[in-house]
Amino acid sequence: MMIDLPDRAYMTPLLNRIADVAGERAAIILGREKAGLQIYIPEKATPDHWLAELVGIDAATAIAGVWGSKHIVVPPSMNGDKRRRAVTIAELIEKGYSNNQIVQLTGVSRRTVIEHRRKQPDDRQASLF
């Protein structure tokens, strides 16, 4: 049974908001590199600030535009438990995402995606029942 998940179902609400403002790449990088940490977002991003160096000046400027002068706790880029992750990977496979795209979006290893893909039923074979 496939659940129709939005493409960013693996992200927490905060990372989804960051992705809306600064792009999915910036949200994933923040979720990987600063997961669980409380960080301070500057009022104005500068090229030499760690945030700009991490996600790029354009994304950092966008993030500062919304969360500037605030502390935020960055959640991990992959939200939820093992079952939720498995459902998300299965849904992305079903939607036709490549192994590399799934790795980039979820942060799991390529081997994990390959294993999930291997366990998927082969729809090309007719059911015996």
C-alpha atoms as a PDB file:
ATOM      1  CA  MET A   1       0.000   0.000   0.000  1.00  0.00           C
ATOM      2  CA  MET A   2       1.505   3.297  -1.092  1.00  0.00           C
ATOM      3  CA  ILE A   3       0.744   6.485   0.764  1.00  0.00           C
ATOM      4  CA  ASP A   4       0.664   9.582  -1.423  1.00  0.00           C
ATOM      5  CA  LEU A   5       3.306  11.708   0.261  1.00  0.00           C
ATOM      6  CA  PRO A   6       4.300  15.163  -0.847  1.00  0.00           C
ATOM      7  CA  ASP A   7       7.786  15.244  -2.334  1.00  0.00           C
ATOM      8  CA  ARG A   8       9.291  16.697   0.858  1.00  0.00           C
ATOM      9  CA  ALA A   9       7.449  14.476   3.347  1.00  0.00           C
ATOM     10  CA  TYR A  10      10.784  13.378   4.807  1.00  0.00           C
ATOM     11  CA  MET A  11      11.487  16.921   6.044  1.00  0.00           C
ATOM     12  CA  THR A  12      10.292  18.441   9.292  1.00  0.00           C
ATOM     13  CA  PRO A  13       7.918  21.417   9.115  1.00  0.00           C
ATOM     14  CA  LEU A  14      10.741  23.882   9.848  1.00  0.00           C
ATOM     15  CA  LEU A  15      12.986  22.455   7.135  1.00  0.00           C
ATOM     16  CA  ASN A  16      10.047  22.552   4.727  1.00  0.00           C
ATOM     17  CA  ARG A  17       9.604  26.259   5.492  1.00  0.00           C
ATOM     18  CA  ILE A  18      13.337  26.815   4.961  1.00  0.00           C
ATOM     19  CA  ALA A  19      13.096  24.922   1.656  1.00  0.00           C
ATOM     20  CA  ASP A  20      10.186  27.135   0.602  1.00  0.00           C
ATOM     21  CA  VAL A  21      12.223  30.261   1.348  1.00  0.00           C
ATOM     22  CA  ALA A  22      15.789  29.274   0.452  1.00  0.00           C
ATOM     23  CA  GLY A  23      15.510  26.093  -1.597  1.00  0.00           C
ATOM     24  CA  GLU A  24      15.517  22.396  -0.877  1.00  0.00           C
ATOM     25  CA  ARG A  25      19.302  22.139  -1.141  1.00  0.00           C
ATOM     26  CA  ALA A  26      19.820  24.726   1.627  1.00  0.00           C
ATOM     27  CA  ALA A  27      17.305  23.003   3.905  1.00  0.00           C
ATOM     28  CA  ILE A  28      18.912  19.596   3.417  1.00  0.00           C
ATOM     29  CA  ILE A  29      22.418  20.950   4.010  1.00  0.00           C
ATOM     30  CA  LEU A  30      21.301  22.712   7.192  1.00  0.00           C
ATOM     31  CA  GLY A  31      19.514  19.567   8.357  1.00  0.00           C
ATOM     32  CA  ARG A  32      22.608  17.457   7.803  1.00  0.00           C
ATOM     33  CA  GLU A  33      25.326  19.807   9.019  1.00  0.00           C
ATOM     34  CA  LYS A  34      23.567  21.473  11.961  1.00  0.00           C
ATOM     35  CA  ALA A  35      21.050  18.792  13.017  1.00  0.00           C
ATOM     36  CA  GLY A  36      19.977  19.165  16.629  1.00  0.00           C
ATOM     37  CA  LEU A  37      21.939  22.366  17.157  1.00  0.00           C
ATOM     38  CA  GLN A  38      20.591  25.728  18.196  1.00  0.00           C
ATOM     39  CA  ILE A  39      21.944  28.256  15.727  1.00  0.00           C
ATOM     40  CA  TYR A  40      21.745  32.022  15.485  1.00  0.00           C
ATOM     41  CA  ILE A  41      20.567  33.450  12.182  1.00  0.00           C
ATOM     42  CA  PRO A  42      22.095  36.876  11.556  1.00  0.00           C
ATOM     43  CA  GLU A  43      19.876  39.833  10.718  1.00  0.00           C
ATOM     44  CA  LYS A  44      21.814  40.235   7.469  1.00  0.00           C
ATOM     45  CA  ALA A  45      23.824  37.489   5.788  1.00  0.00           C
ATOM     46  CA  THR A  46      27.359  38.310   4.691  1.00  0.00           C
ATOM     47  CA  PRO A  47      29.551  36.213   2.374  1.00  0.00           C
ATOM     48  CA  ASP A  48      32.008  35.385   5.181  1.00  0.00           C
ATOM     49  CA  HIS A  49      29.342  34.222   7.665  1.00  0.00           C
ATOM     50  CA  TRP A  50      29.247  30.450   8.305  1.00  0.00           C
ATOM     51  CA  LEU A  51      25.650  30.242   7.042  1.00  0.00           C
ATOM     52  CA  ALA A  52      26.543  31.785   3.670  1.00  0.00           C
ATOM     53  CA  GLU A  53      29.602  29.558   3.411  1.00  0.00           C
ATOM     54  CA  LEU A  54      27.421  26.516   4.138  1.00  0.00           C
ATOM     55  CA  VAL A  55      24.386  27.142   1.914  1.00  0.00           C
ATOM     56  CA  GLY A  56      25.470  30.019  -0.335  1.00  0.00           C
ATOM     57  CA  ILE A  57      24.883  33.744  -0.004  1.00  0.00           C
ATOM     58  CA  ASP A  58      21.523  33.774  -1.816  1.00  0.00           C
ATOM     59  CA  ALA A  59      20.043  31.054   0.397  1.00  0.00           C
ATOM     60  CA  ALA A  60      21.570  32.602   3.531  1.00  0.00           C
ATOM     61  CA  THR A  61      20.077  35.987   2.620  1.00  0.00           C
ATOM     62  CA  ALA A  62      16.664  34.377   2.124  1.00  0.00           C
ATOM     63  CA  ILE A  63      16.905  32.553   5.470  1.00  0.00           C
ATOM     64  CA  ALA A  64      17.994  35.751   7.237  1.00  0.00           C
ATOM     65  CA  GLY A  65      15.051  37.565   5.677  1.00  0.00           C
ATOM     66  CA  VAL A  66      12.644  35.308   7.573  1.00  0.00           C
ATOM     67  CA  TRP A  67      14.549  34.148  10.666  1.00  0.00           C
ATOM     68  CA  GLY A  68      17.115  36.957  11.034  1.00  0.00           C
ATOM     69  CA  SER A  69      18.130  37.921  14.595  1.00  0.00           C
ATOM     70  CA  LYS A  70      16.647  34.678  15.948  1.00  0.00           C
ATOM     71  CA  HIS A  71      17.883  31.424  17.382  1.00  0.00           C
ATOM     72  CA  ILE A  72      16.430  28.279  15.825  1.00  0.00           C
ATOM     73  CA  VAL A  73      16.966  24.610  16.601  1.00  0.00           C
ATOM     74  CA  VAL A  74      17.737  22.800  13.368  1.00  0.00           C
ATOM     75  CA  PRO A  75      15.982  19.450  13.062  1.00  0.00           C
ATOM     76  CA  PRO A  76      17.596  16.556  11.176  1.00  0.00           C
ATOM     77  CA  SER A  77      16.928  16.587   7.439  1.00  0.00           C
ATOM     78  CA  MET A  78      15.304  13.157   7.620  1.00  0.00           C
ATOM     79  CA  ASN A  79      12.180  13.337   9.725  1.00  0.00           C
ATOM     80  CA  GLY A  80      10.738  10.412  11.602  1.00  0.00           C
ATOM     81  CA  ASP A  81      11.539   6.823  12.285  1.00  0.00           C
ATOM     82  CA  LYS A  82      12.716   3.942  10.143  1.00  0.00           C
ATOM     83  CA  ARG A  83       9.205   3.045   8.956  1.00  0.00           C
ATOM     84  CA  ARG A  84       8.465   6.607   7.825  1.00  0.00           C
ATOM     85  CA  ARG A  85      11.816   6.736   6.039  1.00  0.00           C
ATOM     86  CA  ALA A  86      11.041   3.437   4.297  1.00  0.00           C
ATOM     87  CA  VAL A  87       7.625   4.701   3.183  1.00  0.00           C
ATOM     88  CA  THR A  88       9.184   7.925   1.897  1.00  0.00           C
ATOM     89  CA  ILE A  89      11.857   6.050  -0.062  1.00  0.00           C
ATOM     90  CA  ALA A  90       9.232   3.692  -1.514  1.00  0.00           C
ATOM     91  CA  GLU A  91       7.074   6.639  -2.553  1.00  0.00           C
ATOM     92  CA  LEU A  92      10.012   8.392  -4.241  1.00  0.00           C
ATOM     93  CA  ILE A  93      10.879   5.162  -6.081  1.00  0.00           C
ATOM     94  CA  GLU A  94       7.241   4.859  -7.176  1.00  0.00           C
ATOM     95  CA  LYS A  95       7.328   8.449  -8.479  1.00  0.00           C
ATOM     96  CA  GLY A  96      10.333   7.570 -10.635  1.00  0.00           C
ATOM     97  CA  TYR A  97      13.116   9.310  -8.737  1.00  0.00           C
ATOM     98  CA  SER A  98      16.623   8.016  -9.443  1.00  0.00           C
ATOM     99  CA  ASN A  99      18.841   6.505  -6.748  1.00  0.00           C
ATOM    100  CA  ASN A 100      20.986   9.643  -6.722  1.00  0.00           C
ATOM    101  CA  GLN A 101      17.956  11.919  -6.377  1.00  0.00           C
ATOM    102  CA  ILE A 102      16.623   9.873  -3.460  1.00  0.00           C
ATOM    103  CA  VAL A 103      20.026   9.953  -1.736  1.00  0.00           C
ATOM    104  CA  GLN A 104      20.204  13.736  -2.161  1.00  0.00           C
ATOM    105  CA  LEU A 105      16.670  14.291  -0.907  1.00  0.00           C
ATOM    106  CA  THR A 106      16.684  11.956   2.077  1.00  0.00           C
ATOM    107  CA  GLY A 107      20.305  11.777   3.178  1.00  0.00           C
ATOM    108  CA  VAL A 108      20.293   7.974   3.294  1.00  0.00           C
ATOM    109  CA  SER A 109      23.095   5.988   1.709  1.00  0.00           C
ATOM    110  CA  ARG A 110      22.976   4.848  -1.900  1.00  0.00           C
ATOM    111  CA  ARG A 111      23.135   1.247  -0.687  1.00  0.00           C
ATOM    112  CA  THR A 112      19.978   1.833   1.393  1.00  0.00           C
ATOM    113  CA  VAL A 113      18.110   3.101  -1.671  1.00  0.00           C
ATOM    114  CA  ILE A 114      19.295   0.138  -3.743  1.00  0.00           C
ATOM    115  CA  GLU A 115      18.089  -2.266  -1.029  1.00  0.00           C
ATOM    116  CA  HIS A 116      14.696  -0.559  -0.903  1.00  0.00           C
ATOM    117  CA  ARG A 117      14.445  -0.667  -4.679  1.00  0.00           C
ATOM    118  CA  ARG A 118      15.330  -4.387  -4.665  1.00  0.00           C
ATOM    119  CA  LYS A 119      12.512  -5.088  -2.182  1.00  0.00           C
ATOM    120  CA  GLN A 120       9.909  -3.315  -4.340  1.00  0.00           C
ATOM    121  CA  PRO A 121       7.436  -5.670  -6.030  1.00  0.00           C
ATOM    122  CA  ASP A 122       7.961  -6.037  -9.760  1.00  0.00           C
ATOM    123  CA  ASP A 123       4.772  -4.636 -11.302  1.00  0.00           C
ATOM    124  CA  ARG A 124       5.727  -6.062 -14.682  1.00  0.00           C
ATOM    125  CA  GLN A 125       4.915  -9.576 -13.506  1.00  0.00           C
ATOM    126  CA  ALA A 126       1.287 -10.702 -13.518  1.00  0.00           C
ATOM    127  CA  SER A 127      -0.236 -11.750 -10.221  1.00  0.00           C
ATOM    128  CA  LEU A 128      -0.844 -15.469  -9.763  1.00  0.00           C
ATOM    129  CA  PHE A 129      -3.928 -14.778  -7.657  1.00  0.00           C
END
